Amino acid sequence: MQTATAHSADTRRAATEPQQFPALELETRPRVPTEQAAHYLNRRPQTLRGWASAETFPDGLRPVRVHGRLGWPMAGIRAALGVK
C-alpha cells in the first residue's frame, strides 16, 4: 500500500520530468496542445499562452480555443521553423 507522501513525490517527479513528444516530421495531427507546440518551437508553454492571450503570435500560429484549451496548428509550427 502506498502512502500519501510516496504518491505526492511520484506526482512531483512526473511533473518535473521532460515529456516525450514524437519527432516533428512524425506528427500527423493538424493541431497540438500548448506543451507540445512549445517543445517544437523551443519556447516555454507560458510564452505561447501569453501570445494567445495578447494575440501577438507569429503569422500562421493562431491557436484554436476549444473548451479553454489551445490547439496550435502544425502547419504554422512547421512554417515558423522552415520545415515542410
N, C-alpha and C. Protein backbone atom coordinates (compact mmCIF):
# COMPACT_ATOMS: atom_id res chain seq x y z
N MET A 1 0.84 -1.18 0.00
CA MET A 1 0.00 0.00 0.00
C MET A 1 0.89 1.25 0.00
N GLN A 2 0.60 2.18 -0.88
CA GLN A 2 1.39 3.40 -0.96
C GLN A 2 0.90 4.42 0.05
N THR A 3 1.83 5.17 0.55
CA THR A 3 1.46 6.24 1.46
C THR A 3 1.20 7.50 0.67
N ALA A 4 0.58 8.47 1.32
CA ALA A 4 0.27 9.74 0.67
C ALA A 4 1.54 10.48 0.27
N THR A 5 2.59 10.36 1.07
CA THR A 5 3.83 11.07 0.73
C THR A 5 4.51 10.44 -0.46
N ALA A 6 4.44 9.13 -0.60
CA ALA A 6 5.04 8.48 -1.76
C ALA A 6 4.31 8.89 -3.03
N HIS A 7 2.99 8.96 -2.94
CA HIS A 7 2.20 9.35 -4.10
C HIS A 7 2.51 10.79 -4.50
N SER A 8 2.59 11.69 -3.55
CA SER A 8 2.86 13.08 -3.89
C SER A 8 4.28 13.24 -4.45
N ALA A 9 5.22 12.45 -3.97
CA ALA A 9 6.58 12.51 -4.50
C ALA A 9 6.59 12.02 -5.94
N ASP A 10 5.82 10.96 -6.24
CA ASP A 10 5.73 10.47 -7.61
C ASP A 10 5.09 11.51 -8.52
N THR A 11 4.08 12.19 -8.01
CA THR A 11 3.41 13.23 -8.79
C THR A 11 4.36 14.38 -9.08
N ARG A 12 5.11 14.81 -8.07
CA ARG A 12 6.08 15.90 -8.28
C ARG A 12 7.14 15.49 -9.29
N ARG A 13 7.64 14.26 -9.19
CA ARG A 13 8.68 13.79 -10.10
C ARG A 13 8.15 13.77 -11.53
N ALA A 14 6.92 13.29 -11.72
CA ALA A 14 6.33 13.22 -13.05
C ALA A 14 6.14 14.62 -13.63
N ALA A 15 5.82 15.59 -12.79
CA ALA A 15 5.60 16.95 -13.27
C ALA A 15 6.90 17.64 -13.67
N THR A 16 8.03 17.20 -13.12
CA THR A 16 9.30 17.85 -13.44
C THR A 16 10.08 17.13 -14.52
N GLU A 17 9.72 15.90 -14.87
CA GLU A 17 10.42 15.18 -15.92
C GLU A 17 9.99 15.72 -17.28
N PRO A 18 10.92 15.83 -18.23
CA PRO A 18 10.54 16.31 -19.55
C PRO A 18 9.62 15.32 -20.25
N GLN A 19 8.63 15.84 -20.96
CA GLN A 19 7.72 14.98 -21.68
C GLN A 19 8.35 14.56 -23.00
N GLN A 20 7.99 13.39 -23.45
CA GLN A 20 8.48 12.89 -24.73
C GLN A 20 7.41 13.12 -25.79
N PHE A 21 7.77 13.80 -26.85
CA PHE A 21 6.85 14.06 -27.94
C PHE A 21 7.40 13.41 -29.20
N PRO A 22 6.52 13.06 -30.15
CA PRO A 22 7.02 12.48 -31.40
C PRO A 22 7.84 13.51 -32.16
N ALA A 23 8.72 13.02 -33.00
CA ALA A 23 9.52 13.92 -33.83
C ALA A 23 8.58 14.77 -34.69
N LEU A 24 9.02 15.97 -34.99
CA LEU A 24 8.20 16.91 -35.75
C LEU A 24 7.68 16.30 -37.05
N GLU A 25 8.52 15.59 -37.75
CA GLU A 25 8.12 15.02 -39.05
C GLU A 25 7.17 13.84 -38.90
N LEU A 26 7.05 13.28 -37.69
CA LEU A 26 6.14 12.16 -37.47
C LEU A 26 4.76 12.58 -36.96
N GLU A 27 4.61 13.82 -36.55
CA GLU A 27 3.33 14.31 -36.02
C GLU A 27 2.35 14.47 -37.17
N THR A 28 1.18 13.82 -37.05
CA THR A 28 0.19 13.84 -38.14
C THR A 28 -1.06 14.64 -37.79
N ARG A 29 -1.23 15.02 -36.53
CA ARG A 29 -2.42 15.78 -36.15
C ARG A 29 -2.33 17.21 -36.71
N PRO A 30 -3.47 17.80 -37.05
CA PRO A 30 -3.44 19.17 -37.57
C PRO A 30 -3.12 20.20 -36.49
N ARG A 31 -3.44 19.90 -35.23
CA ARG A 31 -3.18 20.82 -34.12
C ARG A 31 -2.64 20.02 -32.94
N VAL A 32 -1.79 20.69 -32.16
CA VAL A 32 -1.20 20.05 -30.99
C VAL A 32 -1.41 20.93 -29.76
N PRO A 33 -1.35 20.34 -28.56
CA PRO A 33 -1.53 21.14 -27.34
C PRO A 33 -0.35 22.09 -27.11
N THR A 34 -0.54 23.02 -26.22
CA THR A 34 0.44 24.06 -25.94
C THR A 34 1.80 23.49 -25.56
N GLU A 35 1.85 22.51 -24.68
CA GLU A 35 3.13 21.96 -24.22
C GLU A 35 3.92 21.37 -25.38
N GLN A 36 3.23 20.69 -26.28
CA GLN A 36 3.92 20.08 -27.42
C GLN A 36 4.38 21.15 -28.42
N ALA A 37 3.54 22.13 -28.69
CA ALA A 37 3.93 23.22 -29.58
C ALA A 37 5.13 23.96 -29.03
N ALA A 38 5.15 24.21 -27.73
CA ALA A 38 6.28 24.90 -27.09
C ALA A 38 7.55 24.08 -27.24
N HIS A 39 7.44 22.77 -27.11
CA HIS A 39 8.60 21.89 -27.29
C HIS A 39 9.19 22.05 -28.69
N TYR A 40 8.34 21.99 -29.71
CA TYR A 40 8.82 22.11 -31.09
C TYR A 40 9.41 23.49 -31.37
N LEU A 41 8.83 24.53 -30.78
CA LEU A 41 9.28 25.90 -31.03
C LEU A 41 10.41 26.35 -30.10
N ASN A 42 10.81 25.46 -29.19
CA ASN A 42 11.87 25.76 -28.21
C ASN A 42 11.51 26.99 -27.37
N ARG A 43 10.29 27.01 -26.91
CA ARG A 43 9.79 28.07 -26.03
C ARG A 43 9.15 27.42 -24.82
N ARG A 44 8.90 28.19 -23.77
CA ARG A 44 8.19 27.67 -22.61
C ARG A 44 6.70 27.77 -22.89
N PRO A 45 5.90 26.84 -22.36
CA PRO A 45 4.46 26.87 -22.62
C PRO A 45 3.80 28.20 -22.25
N GLN A 46 4.27 28.84 -21.18
CA GLN A 46 3.64 30.11 -20.79
C GLN A 46 3.90 31.21 -21.82
N THR A 47 4.97 31.08 -22.61
CA THR A 47 5.21 32.05 -23.69
C THR A 47 4.10 31.94 -24.72
N LEU A 48 3.77 30.71 -25.11
CA LEU A 48 2.71 30.52 -26.08
C LEU A 48 1.35 30.95 -25.53
N ARG A 49 1.12 30.70 -24.25
CA ARG A 49 -0.14 31.15 -23.65
C ARG A 49 -0.21 32.67 -23.65
N GLY A 50 0.92 33.32 -23.41
CA GLY A 50 0.97 34.79 -23.46
C GLY A 50 0.68 35.30 -24.86
N TRP A 51 1.26 34.63 -25.87
CA TRP A 51 0.98 35.00 -27.26
C TRP A 51 -0.51 34.90 -27.54
N ALA A 52 -1.14 33.82 -27.09
CA ALA A 52 -2.56 33.61 -27.35
C ALA A 52 -3.40 34.65 -26.63
N SER A 53 -3.04 34.96 -25.41
CA SER A 53 -3.80 35.93 -24.62
C SER A 53 -3.72 37.33 -25.22
N ALA A 54 -2.52 37.73 -25.61
CA ALA A 54 -2.32 39.08 -26.17
C ALA A 54 -2.53 39.12 -27.68
N GLU A 55 -2.76 37.94 -28.28
CA GLU A 55 -2.89 37.80 -29.73
C GLU A 55 -1.69 38.40 -30.45
N THR A 56 -0.49 38.04 -29.98
CA THR A 56 0.75 38.52 -30.58
C THR A 56 1.58 37.36 -31.12
N PHE A 57 0.93 36.29 -31.52
CA PHE A 57 1.63 35.12 -32.02
C PHE A 57 2.18 35.40 -33.42
N PRO A 58 3.22 34.66 -33.83
CA PRO A 58 3.76 34.82 -35.18
C PRO A 58 2.72 34.45 -36.24
N ASP A 59 2.90 34.97 -37.44
CA ASP A 59 1.98 34.67 -38.55
C ASP A 59 1.85 33.16 -38.73
N GLY A 60 0.61 32.70 -38.91
CA GLY A 60 0.35 31.29 -39.14
C GLY A 60 0.22 30.46 -37.87
N LEU A 61 0.42 31.07 -36.71
CA LEU A 61 0.36 30.31 -35.46
C LEU A 61 -0.85 30.67 -34.59
N ARG A 62 -1.92 31.12 -35.20
CA ARG A 62 -3.12 31.44 -34.42
C ARG A 62 -3.70 30.15 -33.84
N PRO A 63 -3.77 30.06 -32.51
CA PRO A 63 -4.32 28.85 -31.91
C PRO A 63 -5.84 28.83 -31.96
N VAL A 64 -6.38 27.64 -31.89
CA VAL A 64 -7.82 27.45 -31.81
C VAL A 64 -8.15 27.15 -30.36
N ARG A 65 -9.14 27.81 -29.83
CA ARG A 65 -9.55 27.59 -28.44
C ARG A 65 -10.74 26.64 -28.42
N VAL A 66 -10.58 25.54 -27.69
CA VAL A 66 -11.65 24.56 -27.56
C VAL A 66 -11.80 24.23 -26.09
N HIS A 67 -12.91 24.61 -25.50
CA HIS A 67 -13.19 24.34 -24.08
C HIS A 67 -12.06 24.80 -23.17
N GLY A 68 -11.53 25.97 -23.44
CA GLY A 68 -10.49 26.54 -22.59
C GLY A 68 -9.09 26.03 -22.87
N ARG A 69 -8.93 25.19 -23.86
CA ARG A 69 -7.59 24.69 -24.21
C ARG A 69 -7.19 25.23 -25.57
N LEU A 70 -5.89 25.34 -25.78
CA LEU A 70 -5.38 25.88 -27.03
C LEU A 70 -4.86 24.75 -27.91
N GLY A 71 -5.18 24.81 -29.18
CA GLY A 71 -4.64 23.88 -30.18
C GLY A 71 -3.83 24.68 -31.17
N TRP A 72 -2.54 24.38 -31.29
CA TRP A 72 -1.63 25.13 -32.15
C TRP A 72 -1.46 24.39 -33.47
N PRO A 73 -1.58 25.10 -34.61
CA PRO A 73 -1.53 24.44 -35.92
C PRO A 73 -0.13 23.93 -36.27
N MET A 74 -0.07 22.66 -36.65
CA MET A 74 1.22 22.07 -37.03
C MET A 74 1.78 22.74 -38.28
N ALA A 75 0.91 23.14 -39.20
CA ALA A 75 1.39 23.81 -40.42
C ALA A 75 2.11 25.11 -40.05
N GLY A 76 1.58 25.85 -39.09
CA GLY A 76 2.20 27.09 -38.65
C GLY A 76 3.51 26.84 -37.93
N ILE A 77 3.56 25.78 -37.13
CA ILE A 77 4.80 25.43 -36.43
C ILE A 77 5.88 25.06 -37.44
N ARG A 78 5.50 24.24 -38.42
CA ARG A 78 6.48 23.84 -39.46
C ARG A 78 6.94 25.08 -40.25
N ALA A 79 6.01 25.97 -40.58
CA ALA A 79 6.37 27.17 -41.34
C ALA A 79 7.31 28.06 -40.52
N ALA A 80 7.04 28.21 -39.24
CA ALA A 80 7.89 29.05 -38.38
C ALA A 80 9.31 28.48 -38.28
N LEU A 81 9.41 27.17 -38.36
CA LEU A 81 10.72 26.52 -38.27
C LEU A 81 11.38 26.31 -39.63
N GLY A 82 10.65 26.60 -40.71
CA GLY A 82 11.21 26.43 -42.04
C GLY A 82 11.28 24.97 -42.47
N VAL A 83 10.37 24.16 -41.92
CA VAL A 83 10.33 22.73 -42.23
C VAL A 83 9.07 22.45 -43.03
N LYS A 84 9.17 21.57 -44.02
CA LYS A 84 7.98 21.23 -44.82
C LYS A 84 7.24 20.09 -44.25
